[in-house]
PDB file of all heavy atoms in Angstrom:
ATOM      1  N   ASP A   1      73.166 138.412   8.461  1.00  0.00           N
ATOM      2  CA  ASP A   1      74.590 138.341   8.808  1.00  0.00           C
ATOM      3  C   ASP A   1      75.028 139.510   9.692  1.00  0.00           C
ATOM      4  O   ASP A   1      76.150 139.985   9.611  1.00  0.00           O
ATOM      5  CB  ASP A   1      75.447 138.264   7.546  1.00  0.00           C
ATOM      6  CG  ASP A   1      75.297 139.495   6.660  1.00  0.00           C
ATOM      7  OD1 ASP A   1      74.293 140.228   6.820  1.00  0.00           O
ATOM      8  OD2 ASP A   1      76.168 139.730   5.816  1.00  0.00           O
ATOM      9  N   ARG A   2      74.134 139.940  10.571  1.00  0.00           N
ATOM     10  CA  ARG A   2      74.458 141.049  11.469  1.00  0.00           C
ATOM     11  C   ARG A   2      74.761 140.523  12.876  1.00  0.00           C
ATOM     12  O   ARG A   2      74.294 139.464  13.267  1.00  0.00           O
ATOM     13  CB  ARG A   2      73.299 142.035  11.525  1.00  0.00           C
ATOM     14  CG  ARG A   2      73.154 142.816  10.236  1.00  0.00           C
ATOM     15  CD  ARG A   2      72.023 143.825  10.317  1.00  0.00           C
ATOM     16  NE  ARG A   2      71.962 144.645   9.132  1.00  0.00           N
ATOM     17  CZ  ARG A   2      71.399 144.279   7.990  1.00  0.00           C
ATOM     18  NH1 ARG A   2      70.836 143.093   7.876  1.00  0.00           N
ATOM     19  NH2 ARG A   2      71.383 145.089   6.959  1.00  0.00           N
ATOM     20  N   VAL A   3      75.547 141.318  13.624  1.00  0.00           N
ATOM     21  CA  VAL A   3      75.884 140.976  15.004  1.00  0.00           C
ATOM     22  C   VAL A   3      75.620 142.174  15.901  1.00  0.00           C
ATOM     23  O   VAL A   3      75.683 143.328  15.458  1.00  0.00           O
ATOM     24  CB  VAL A   3      77.361 140.526  15.138  1.00  0.00           C
ATOM     25  CG1 VAL A   3      77.610 139.242  14.393  1.00  0.00           C
ATOM     26  CG2 VAL A   3      78.321 141.595  14.679  1.00  0.00           C
ATOM     27  N   LEU A   4      75.297 141.899  17.164  1.00  0.00           N
ATOM     28  CA  LEU A   4      75.107 142.930  18.176  1.00  0.00           C
ATOM     29  C   LEU A   4      76.373 142.952  19.023  1.00  0.00           C
ATOM     30  O   LEU A   4      76.802 141.907  19.518  1.00  0.00           O
ATOM     31  CB  LEU A   4      73.883 142.604  19.024  1.00  0.00           C
ATOM     32  CG  LEU A   4      73.428 143.651  20.032  1.00  0.00           C
ATOM     33  CD1 LEU A   4      72.968 144.921  19.316  1.00  0.00           C
ATOM     34  CD2 LEU A   4      72.300 143.111  20.894  1.00  0.00           C
ATOM     35  N   VAL A   5      76.982 144.132  19.190  1.00  0.00           N
ATOM     36  CA  VAL A   5      78.293 144.251  19.827  1.00  0.00           C
ATOM     37  C   VAL A   5      78.246 145.252  20.977  1.00  0.00           C
ATOM     38  O   VAL A   5      77.650 146.324  20.857  1.00  0.00           O
ATOM     39  CB  VAL A   5      79.350 144.710  18.791  1.00  0.00           C
ATOM     40  CG1 VAL A   5      80.709 144.920  19.440  1.00  0.00           C
ATOM     41  CG2 VAL A   5      79.454 143.720  17.650  1.00  0.00           C
ATOM     42  N   ARG A   6      78.912 144.893  22.082  1.00  0.00           N
ATOM     43  CA  ARG A   6      79.111 145.801  23.213  1.00  0.00           C
ATOM     44  C   ARG A   6      80.573 146.261  23.153  1.00  0.00           C
ATOM     45  O   ARG A   6      81.481 145.436  23.128  1.00  0.00           O
ATOM     46  CB  ARG A   6      78.870 145.066  24.528  1.00  0.00           C
ATOM     47  CG  ARG A   6      79.115 145.906  25.767  1.00  0.00           C
ATOM     48  CD  ARG A   6      78.925 145.102  27.049  1.00  0.00           C
ATOM     49  NE  ARG A   6      77.552 144.656  27.173  1.00  0.00           N
ATOM     50  CZ  ARG A   6      77.177 143.364  27.188  1.00  0.00           C
ATOM     51  NH1 ARG A   6      78.062 142.399  27.108  1.00  0.00           N
ATOM     52  NH2 ARG A   6      75.902 143.035  27.294  1.00  0.00           N
ATOM     53  N   ARG A   7      80.791 147.575  23.094  1.00  0.00           N
ATOM     54  CA  ARG A   7      82.162 148.104  23.067  1.00  0.00           C
ATOM     55  C   ARG A   7      82.875 147.767  24.370  1.00  0.00           C
ATOM     56  O   ARG A   7      82.267 147.771  25.431  1.00  0.00           O
ATOM     57  CB  ARG A   7      82.165 149.623  22.922  1.00  0.00           C
ATOM     58  CG  ARG A   7      81.845 150.110  21.537  1.00  0.00           C
ATOM     59  CD  ARG A   7      82.046 151.627  21.494  1.00  0.00           C
ATOM     60  NE  ARG A   7      81.507 152.202  20.299  1.00  0.00           N
ATOM     61  CZ  ARG A   7      82.197 152.413  19.196  1.00  0.00           C
ATOM     62  NH1 ARG A   7      83.453 152.080  19.141  1.00  0.00           N
ATOM     63  NH2 ARG A   7      81.633 152.957  18.137  1.00  0.00           N
ATOM     64  N   ILE A   8      84.177 147.491  24.261  1.00  0.00           N
ATOM     65  CA  ILE A   8      85.013 147.274  25.440  1.00  0.00           C
ATOM     66  C   ILE A   8      85.869 148.505  25.598  1.00  0.00           C
ATOM     67  O   ILE A   8      86.638 148.864  24.700  1.00  0.00           O
ATOM     68  CB  ILE A   8      85.887 146.009  25.270  1.00  0.00           C
ATOM     69  CG1 ILE A   8      84.998 144.784  25.154  1.00  0.00           C
ATOM     70  CG2 ILE A   8      86.858 145.883  26.434  1.00  0.00           C
ATOM     71  CD1 ILE A   8      85.745 143.500  24.844  1.00  0.00           C
ATOM     72  N   GLU A   9      85.717 149.183  26.741  1.00  0.00           N
ATOM     73  CA  GLU A   9      86.436 150.430  26.994  1.00  0.00           C
ATOM     74  C   GLU A   9      87.913 150.166  27.249  1.00  0.00           C
ATOM     75  O   GLU A   9      88.274 149.229  27.941  1.00  0.00           O
ATOM     76  CB  GLU A   9      85.841 151.157  28.209  1.00  0.00           C
ATOM     77  CG  GLU A   9      84.398 151.603  28.005  1.00  0.00           C
ATOM     78  CD  GLU A   9      84.229 152.638  26.911  1.00  0.00           C
ATOM     79  OE1 GLU A   9      85.142 153.470  26.710  1.00  0.00           O
ATOM     80  OE2 GLU A   9      83.193 152.607  26.234  1.00  0.00           O
ATOM     81  N   GLY A  10      88.758 151.009  26.677  1.00  0.00           N
ATOM     82  CA  GLY A  10      90.203 150.904  26.873  1.00  0.00           C
ATOM     83  C   GLY A  10      90.645 151.659  28.117  1.00  0.00           C
ATOM     84  O   GLY A  10      89.835 152.198  28.874  1.00  0.00           O
ATOM     85  N   ASP A  11      91.947 151.720  28.323  1.00  0.00           N
ATOM     86  CA  ASP A  11      92.516 152.428  29.467  1.00  0.00           C
ATOM     87  C   ASP A  11      92.291 153.926  29.333  1.00  0.00           C
ATOM     88  O   ASP A  11      92.292 154.468  28.233  1.00  0.00           O
ATOM     89  CB  ASP A  11      94.018 152.165  29.575  1.00  0.00           C
ATOM     90  CG  ASP A  11      94.317 150.726  29.967  1.00  0.00           C
ATOM     91  OD1 ASP A  11      93.432 150.081  30.557  1.00  0.00           O
ATOM     92  OD2 ASP A  11      95.436 150.267  29.691  1.00  0.00           O
ATOM     93  N   ALA A  12      92.126 154.589  30.464  1.00  0.00           N
ATOM     94  CA  ALA A  12      91.928 156.034  30.486  1.00  0.00           C
ATOM     95  C   ALA A  12      93.232 156.757  30.791  1.00  0.00           C
ATOM     96  O   ALA A  12      93.237 157.936  31.102  1.00  0.00           O
ATOM     97  CB  ALA A  12      90.869 156.398  31.512  1.00  0.00           C
ATOM     98  N   LYS A  13      94.386 156.031  30.740  1.00  0.00           N
ATOM     99  CA  LYS A  13      95.684 156.637  31.004  1.00  0.00           C
ATOM    100  C   LYS A  13      96.635 156.344  29.851  1.00  0.00           C
ATOM    101  O   LYS A  13      96.531 155.322  29.197  1.00  0.00           O
ATOM    102  CB  LYS A  13      96.297 156.051  32.284  1.00  0.00           C
ATOM    103  CG  LYS A  13      95.613 156.451  33.555  1.00  0.00           C
ATOM    104  CD  LYS A  13      96.368 155.905  34.751  1.00  0.00           C
ATOM    105  CE  LYS A  13      95.690 156.275  36.036  1.00  0.00           C
ATOM    106  NZ  LYS A  13      96.420 155.752  37.198  1.00  0.00           N
ATOM    107  N   THR A  14      97.566 157.254  29.652  1.00  0.00           N
ATOM    108  CA  THR A  14      98.621 157.014  28.667  1.00  0.00           C
ATOM    109  C   THR A  14      99.666 156.099  29.298  1.00  0.00           C
ATOM    110  O   THR A  14      99.638 155.849  30.503  1.00  0.00           O
ATOM    111  CB  THR A  14      99.290 158.334  28.245  1.00  0.00           C
ATOM    112  OG1 THR A  14      99.964 158.884  29.374  1.00  0.00           O
ATOM    113  CG2 THR A  14      98.284 159.323  27.685  1.00  0.00           C
ATOM    114  N   SER A  15     100.617 155.638  28.501  1.00  0.00           N
ATOM    115  CA  SER A  15     101.670 154.782  29.039  1.00  0.00           C
ATOM    116  C   SER A  15     102.537 155.532  30.050  1.00  0.00           C
ATOM    117  O   SER A  15     103.156 154.933  30.916  1.00  0.00           O
ATOM    118  CB  SER A  15     102.541 154.226  27.904  1.00  0.00           C
ATOM    119  OG  SER A  15     103.095 155.293  27.166  1.00  0.00           O
ATOM    120  N   GLY A  16     102.551 156.852  29.978  1.00  0.00           N
ATOM    121  CA  GLY A  16     103.302 157.672  30.925  1.00  0.00           C
ATOM    122  C   GLY A  16     102.529 157.999  32.195  1.00  0.00           C
ATOM    123  O   GLY A  16     103.047 158.644  33.098  1.00  0.00           O
ATOM    124  N   GLY A  17     101.268 157.560  32.280  1.00  0.00           N
ATOM    125  CA  GLY A  17     100.469 157.770  33.486  1.00  0.00           C
ATOM    126  C   GLY A  17      99.537 158.962  33.444  1.00  0.00           C
ATOM    127  O   GLY A  17      98.841 159.233  34.419  1.00  0.00           O
ATOM    128  N   LEU A  18      99.490 159.692  32.335  1.00  0.00           N
ATOM    129  CA  LEU A  18      98.575 160.834  32.228  1.00  0.00           C
ATOM    130  C   LEU A  18      97.152 160.340  32.018  1.00  0.00           C
ATOM    131  O   LEU A  18      96.913 159.415  31.241  1.00  0.00           O
ATOM    132  CB  LEU A  18      98.974 161.745  31.067  1.00  0.00           C
ATOM    133  CG  LEU A  18     100.339 162.416  31.167  1.00  0.00           C
ATOM    134  CD1 LEU A  18     100.641 163.164  29.888  1.00  0.00           C
ATOM    135  CD2 LEU A  18     100.387 163.349  32.356  1.00  0.00           C
ATOM    136  N   ILE A  19      96.206 160.968  32.693  1.00  0.00           N
ATOM    137  CA  ILE A  19      94.796 160.596  32.545  1.00  0.00           C
ATOM    138  C   ILE A  19      94.224 161.314  31.327  1.00  0.00           C
ATOM    139  O   ILE A  19      94.381 162.527  31.169  1.00  0.00           O
ATOM    140  CB  ILE A  19      93.999 160.956  33.813  1.00  0.00           C
ATOM    141  CG1 ILE A  19      94.524 160.132  34.989  1.00  0.00           C
ATOM    142  CG2 ILE A  19      92.515 160.722  33.601  1.00  0.00           C
ATOM    143  CD1 ILE A  19      93.927 160.476  36.316  1.00  0.00           C
ATOM    144  N   ILE A  20      93.545 160.556  30.470  1.00  0.00           N
ATOM    145  CA  ILE A  20      92.949 161.117  29.247  1.00  0.00           C
ATOM    146  C   ILE A  20      91.505 161.506  29.560  1.00  0.00           C
ATOM    147  O   ILE A  20      90.710 160.666  29.972  1.00  0.00           O
ATOM    148  CB  ILE A  20      92.972 160.083  28.106  1.00  0.00           C
ATOM    149  CG1 ILE A  20      94.408 159.630  27.829  1.00  0.00           C
ATOM    150  CG2 ILE A  20      92.324 160.672  26.848  1.00  0.00           C
ATOM    151  CD1 ILE A  20      94.499 158.443  26.903  1.00  0.00           C
ATOM    152  N   PRO A  21      91.128 162.781  29.365  1.00  0.00           N
ATOM    153  CA  PRO A  21      89.741 163.180  29.621  1.00  0.00           C
ATOM    154  C   PRO A  21      88.797 162.559  28.595  1.00  0.00           C
ATOM    155  O   PRO A  21      89.193 162.232  27.479  1.00  0.00           O
ATOM    156  CB  PRO A  21      89.776 164.715  29.485  1.00  0.00           C
ATOM    157  CG  PRO A  21      90.979 164.998  28.663  1.00  0.00           C
ATOM    158  CD  PRO A  21      91.959 163.883  28.921  1.00  0.00           C
ATOM    159  N   ASP A  22      87.530 162.391  28.994  1.00  0.00           N
ATOM    160  CA  ASP A  22      86.528 161.783  28.118  1.00  0.00           C
ATOM    161  C   ASP A  22      86.400 162.490  26.781  1.00  0.00           C
ATOM    162  O   ASP A  22      86.164 161.857  25.758  1.00  0.00           O
ATOM    163  CB  ASP A  22      85.153 161.758  28.809  1.00  0.00           C
ATOM    164  CG  ASP A  22      85.105 160.734  29.935  1.00  0.00           C
ATOM    165  OD1 ASP A  22      85.941 159.802  29.926  1.00  0.00           O
ATOM    166  OD2 ASP A  22      84.232 160.871  30.807  1.00  0.00           O
ATOM    167  N   THR A  23      86.571 163.804  26.768  1.00  0.00           N
ATOM    168  CA  THR A  23      86.407 164.559  25.521  1.00  0.00           C
ATOM    169  C   THR A  23      87.520 164.288  24.524  1.00  0.00           C
ATOM    170  O   THR A  23      87.348 164.512  23.340  1.00  0.00           O
ATOM    171  CB  THR A  23      86.368 166.076  25.815  1.00  0.00           C
ATOM    172  OG1 THR A  23      87.548 166.427  26.555  1.00  0.00           O
ATOM    173  CG2 THR A  23      85.125 166.450  26.605  1.00  0.00           C
ATOM    174  N   ALA A  24      88.670 163.781  24.985  1.00  0.00           N
ATOM    175  CA  ALA A  24      89.807 163.518  24.094  1.00  0.00           C
ATOM    176  C   ALA A  24      89.930 162.050  23.719  1.00  0.00           C
ATOM    177  O   ALA A  24      90.745 161.694  22.884  1.00  0.00           O
ATOM    178  CB  ALA A  24      91.093 163.982  24.763  1.00  0.00           C
ATOM    179  N   LYS A  25      89.122 161.197  24.326  1.00  0.00           N
ATOM    180  CA  LYS A  25      89.204 159.759  24.060  1.00  0.00           C
ATOM    181  C   LYS A  25      88.571 159.418  22.718  1.00  0.00           C
ATOM    182  O   LYS A  25      87.550 159.982  22.342  1.00  0.00           O
ATOM    183  CB  LYS A  25      88.440 158.970  25.126  1.00  0.00           C
ATOM    184  CG  LYS A  25      89.159 158.802  26.414  1.00  0.00           C
ATOM    185  CD  LYS A  25      88.371 157.822  27.267  1.00  0.00           C
ATOM    186  CE  LYS A  25      88.541 158.095  28.718  1.00  0.00           C
ATOM    187  NZ  LYS A  25      87.668 157.291  29.532  1.00  0.00           N
ATOM    188  N   GLU A  26      89.195 158.471  22.025  1.00  0.00           N
ATOM    189  CA  GLU A  26      88.577 157.915  20.824  1.00  0.00           C
ATOM    190  C   GLU A  26      87.717 156.746  21.248  1.00  0.00           C
ATOM    191  O   GLU A  26      88.014 156.078  22.230  1.00  0.00           O
ATOM    192  CB  GLU A  26      89.644 157.441  19.841  1.00  0.00           C
ATOM    193  CG  GLU A  26      90.362 158.572  19.175  1.00  0.00           C
ATOM    194  CD  GLU A  26      91.198 158.085  18.005  1.00  0.00           C
ATOM    195  OE1 GLU A  26      90.923 156.998  17.484  1.00  0.00           O
ATOM    196  OE2 GLU A  26      92.123 158.812  17.633  1.00  0.00           O
ATOM    197  N   LYS A  27      86.663 156.497  20.505  1.00  0.00           N
ATOM    198  CA  LYS A  27      85.828 155.349  20.817  1.00  0.00           C
ATOM    199  C   LYS A  27      86.606 154.074  20.548  1.00  0.00           C
ATOM    200  O   LYS A  27      87.328 153.981  19.553  1.00  0.00           O
ATOM    201  CB  LYS A  27      84.547 155.366  19.983  1.00  0.00           C
ATOM    202  CG  LYS A  27      83.612 156.488  20.401  1.00  0.00           C
ATOM    203  CD  LYS A  27      82.299 156.376  19.697  1.00  0.00           C
ATOM    204  CE  LYS A  27      81.363 157.457  20.188  1.00  0.00           C
ATOM    205  NZ  LYS A  27      80.071 157.374  19.559  1.00  0.00           N
ATOM    206  N   PRO A  28      86.473 153.091  21.431  1.00  0.00           N
ATOM    207  CA  PRO A  28      87.221 151.849  21.227  1.00  0.00           C
ATOM    208  C   PRO A  28      86.760 151.102  19.984  1.00  0.00           C
ATOM    209  O   PRO A  28      85.600 151.182  19.601  1.00  0.00           O
ATOM    210  CB  PRO A  28      86.935 151.049  22.496  1.00  0.00           C
ATOM    211  CG  PRO A  28      85.719 151.647  23.091  1.00  0.00           C
ATOM    212  CD  PRO A  28      85.654 153.065  22.625  1.00  0.00           C
ATOM    213  N   GLN A  29      87.696 150.391  19.368  1.00  0.00           N
ATOM    214  CA  GLN A  29      87.398 149.594  18.189  1.00  0.00           C
ATOM    215  C   GLN A  29      87.432 148.114  18.542  1.00  0.00           C
ATOM    216  O   GLN A  29      87.635 147.275  17.686  1.00  0.00           O
ATOM    217  CB  GLN A  29      88.413 149.912  17.089  1.00  0.00           C
ATOM    218  CG  GLN A  29      88.274 151.315  16.551  1.00  0.00           C
ATOM    219  CD  GLN A  29      89.389 151.627  15.593  1.00  0.00           C
ATOM    220  OE1 GLN A  29      90.364 152.267  15.950  1.00  0.00           O
ATOM    221  NE2 GLN A  29      89.259 151.165  14.377  1.00  0.00           N
ATOM    222  N   GLU A  30      87.224 147.844  19.818  1.00  0.00           N
ATOM    223  CA  GLU A  30      87.220 146.482  20.311  1.00  0.00           C
ATOM    224  C   GLU A  30      85.878 146.246  20.994  1.00  0.00           C
ATOM    225  O   GLU A  30      85.331 147.138  21.629  1.00  0.00           O
ATOM    226  CB  GLU A  30      88.360 146.329  21.321  1.00  0.00           C
ATOM    227  CG  GLU A  30      88.607 144.936  21.789  1.00  0.00           C
ATOM    228  CD  GLU A  30      89.814 144.882  22.722  1.00  0.00           C
ATOM    229  OE1 GLU A  30      90.774 145.631  22.530  1.00  0.00           O
ATOM    230  OE2 GLU A  30      89.763 144.066  23.650  1.00  0.00           O
ATOM    231  N   GLY A  31      85.345 145.040  20.836  1.00  0.00           N
ATOM    232  CA  GLY A  31      84.055 144.762  21.444  1.00  0.00           C
ATOM    233  C   GLY A  31      83.835 143.288  21.686  1.00  0.00           C
ATOM    234  O   GLY A  31      84.636 142.439  21.291  1.00  0.00           O
ATOM    235  N   GLU A  32      82.721 143.013  22.365  1.00  0.00           N
ATOM    236  CA  GLU A  32      82.308 141.643  22.634  1.00  0.00           C
ATOM    237  C   GLU A  32      80.970 141.418  21.949  1.00  0.00           C
ATOM    238  O   GLU A  32      80.063 142.242  22.060  1.00  0.00           O
ATOM    239  CB  GLU A  32      82.166 141.416  24.134  1.00  0.00           C
ATOM    240  CG  GLU A  32      81.693 140.034  24.482  1.00  0.00           C
ATOM    241  CD  GLU A  32      81.436 139.851  25.968  1.00  0.00           C
ATOM    242  OE1 GLU A  32      81.681 140.786  26.753  1.00  0.00           O
ATOM    243  OE2 GLU A  32      80.980 138.764  26.333  1.00  0.00           O
ATOM    244  N   ILE A  33      80.849 140.311  21.247  1.00  0.00           N
ATOM    245  CA  ILE A  33      79.604 140.005  20.552  1.00  0.00           C
ATOM    246  C   ILE A  33      78.563 139.540  21.567  1.00  0.00           C
ATOM    247  O   ILE A  33      78.811 138.634  22.356  1.00  0.00           O
ATOM    248  CB  ILE A  33      79.821 138.944  19.465  1.00  0.00           C
ATOM    249  CG1 ILE A  33      80.752 139.501  18.387  1.00  0.00           C
ATOM    250  CG2 ILE A  33      78.488 138.505  18.866  1.00  0.00           C
ATOM    251  CD1 ILE A  33      81.029 138.571  17.248  1.00  0.00           C
ATOM    252  N   VAL A  34      77.396 140.198  21.538  1.00  0.00           N
ATOM    253  CA  VAL A  34      76.299 139.892  22.449  1.00  0.00           C
ATOM    254  C   VAL A  34      75.329 138.904  21.802  1.00  0.00           C
ATOM    255  O   VAL A  34      74.857 137.977  22.445  1.00  0.00           O
ATOM    256  CB  VAL A  34      75.558 141.189  22.858  1.00  0.00           C
ATOM    257  CG1 VAL A  34      74.378 140.893  23.743  1.00  0.00           C
ATOM    258  CG2 VAL A  34      76.519 142.160  23.521  1.00  0.00           C
ATOM    259  N   ALA A  35      75.026 139.114  20.522  1.00  0.00           N
ATOM    260  CA  ALA A  35      74.077 138.254  19.803  1.00  0.00           C
ATOM    261  C   ALA A  35      74.470 138.188  18.331  1.00  0.00           C
ATOM    262  O   ALA A  35      75.077 139.116  17.809  1.00  0.00           O
ATOM    263  CB  ALA A  35      72.657 138.782  19.945  1.00  0.00           C
ATOM    264  N   VAL A  36      74.119 137.075  17.689  1.00  0.00           N
ATOM    265  CA  VAL A  36      74.488 136.817  16.299  1.00  0.00           C
ATOM    266  C   VAL A  36      73.249 136.427  15.510  1.00  0.00           C
ATOM    267  O   VAL A  36      72.415 135.662  16.004  1.00  0.00           O
ATOM    268  CB  VAL A  36      75.542 135.680  16.230  1.00  0.00           C
ATOM    269  CG1 VAL A  36      75.898 135.357  14.797  1.00  0.00           C
ATOM    270  CG2 VAL A  36      76.775 136.035  17.016  1.00  0.00           C
ATOM    271  N   GLY A  37      73.130 136.936  14.280  1.00  0.00           N
ATOM    272  CA  GLY A  37      72.033 136.545  13.400  1.00  0.00           C
ATOM    273  C   GLY A  37      72.228 135.130  12.872  1.00  0.00           C
ATOM    274  O   GLY A  37      73.263 134.493  13.106  1.00  0.00           O
ATOM    275  N   ALA A  38      71.257 134.640  12.136  1.00  0.00           N
ATOM    276  CA  ALA A  38      71.289 133.265  11.618  1.00  0.00           C
ATOM    277  C   ALA A  38      72.237 133.098  10.438  1.00  0.00           C
ATOM    278  O   ALA A  38      72.602 131.984  10.093  1.00  0.00           O
ATOM    279  CB  ALA A  38      69.881 132.836  11.213  1.00  0.00           C
ATOM    280  N   GLY A  39      72.650 134.189   9.820  1.00  0.00           N
ATOM    281  CA  GLY A  39      73.536 134.115   8.664  1.00  0.00           C
ATOM    282  C   GLY A  39      72.819 134.516   7.391  1.00  0.00           C
ATOM    283  O   GLY A  39      71.596 134.399   7.293  1.00  0.00           O
ATOM    284  N   ALA A  40      73.577 134.969   6.417  1.00  0.00           N
ATOM    285  CA  ALA A  40      73.018 135.370   5.124  1.00  0.00           C
ATOM    286  C   ALA A  40      72.615 134.118   4.337  1.00  0.00           C
ATOM    287  O   ALA A  40      72.974 133.003   4.699  1.00  0.00           O
ATOM    288  CB  ALA A  40      74.048 136.177   4.349  1.00  0.00           C
ATOM    289  N   LYS A  41      71.892 134.320   3.259  1.00  0.00           N
ATOM    290  CA  LYS A  41      71.505 133.206   2.377  1.00  0.00           C
ATOM    291  C   LYS A  41      72.236 133.341   1.050  1.00  0.00           C
ATOM    292  O   LYS A  41      72.420 134.444   0.547  1.00  0.00           O
ATOM    293  CB  LYS A  41      70.000 133.199   2.146  1.00  0.00           C
ATOM    294  CG  LYS A  41      69.216 132.813   3.386  1.00  0.00           C
ATOM    295  CD  LYS A  41      67.745 132.693   3.064  1.00  0.00           C
ATOM    296  CE  LYS A  41      66.963 132.267   4.295  1.00  0.00           C
ATOM    297  NZ  LYS A  41      65.544 132.080   3.999  1.00  0.00           N
ATOM    298  N   ASP A  42      72.634 132.198   0.482  1.00  0.00           N
ATOM    299  CA  ASP A  42      73.281 132.236  -0.830  1.00  0.00           C
ATOM    300  C   ASP A  42      72.212 132.261  -1.921  1.00  0.00           C
ATOM    301  O   ASP A  42      71.018 132.340  -1.641  1.00  0.00           O
ATOM    302  CB  ASP A  42      74.263 131.069  -1.001  1.00  0.00           C
ATOM    303  CG  ASP A  42      73.595 129.700  -0.985  1.00  0.00           C
ATOM    304  OD1 ASP A  42      72.350 129.617  -1.088  1.00  0.00           O
ATOM    305  OD2 ASP A  42      74.324 128.698  -0.874  1.00  0.00           O
ATOM    306  N   GLU A  43      72.620 132.173  -3.169  1.00  0.00           N
ATOM    307  CA  GLU A  43      71.681 132.268  -4.297  1.00  0.00           C
ATOM    308  C   GLU A  43      70.656 131.139  -4.321  1.00  0.00           C
ATOM    309  O   GLU A  43      69.570 131.288  -4.875  1.00  0.00           O
ATOM    310  CB  GLU A  43      72.466 132.288  -5.610  1.00  0.00           C
ATOM    311  CG  GLU A  43      73.290 133.538  -5.790  1.00  0.00           C
ATOM    312  CD  GLU A  43      74.135 133.492  -7.045  1.00  0.00           C
ATOM    313  OE1 GLU A  43      74.023 132.530  -7.829  1.00  0.00           O
ATOM    314  OE2 GLU A  43      74.923 134.437  -7.234  1.00  0.00           O
ATOM    315  N   ASP A  44      71.004 129.993  -3.741  1.00  0.00           N
ATOM    316  CA  ASP A  44      70.081 128.853  -3.695  1.00  0.00           C
ATOM    317  C   ASP A  44      69.172 128.883  -2.476  1.00  0.00           C
ATOM    318  O   ASP A  44      68.369 127.966  -2.289  1.00  0.00           O
ATOM    319  CB  ASP A  44      70.872 127.534  -3.705  1.00  0.00           C
ATOM    320  CG  ASP A  44      71.698 127.380  -4.971  1.00  0.00           C
ATOM    321  OD1 ASP A  44      71.237 127.850  -6.040  1.00  0.00           O
ATOM    322  OD2 ASP A  44      72.800 126.802  -4.891  1.00  0.00           O
TER     323      ASP A  44
END
């Protein structure tokens, strides 16, 4: 039940137009699924 994910980078500017340096950026919590496993198995 695992998936392979590619992060999707967000904007590098604030809403006011300031550029955010790489050292201050948080890693994005959004991504695109690249590959999917077959799924977990139940008790049966």
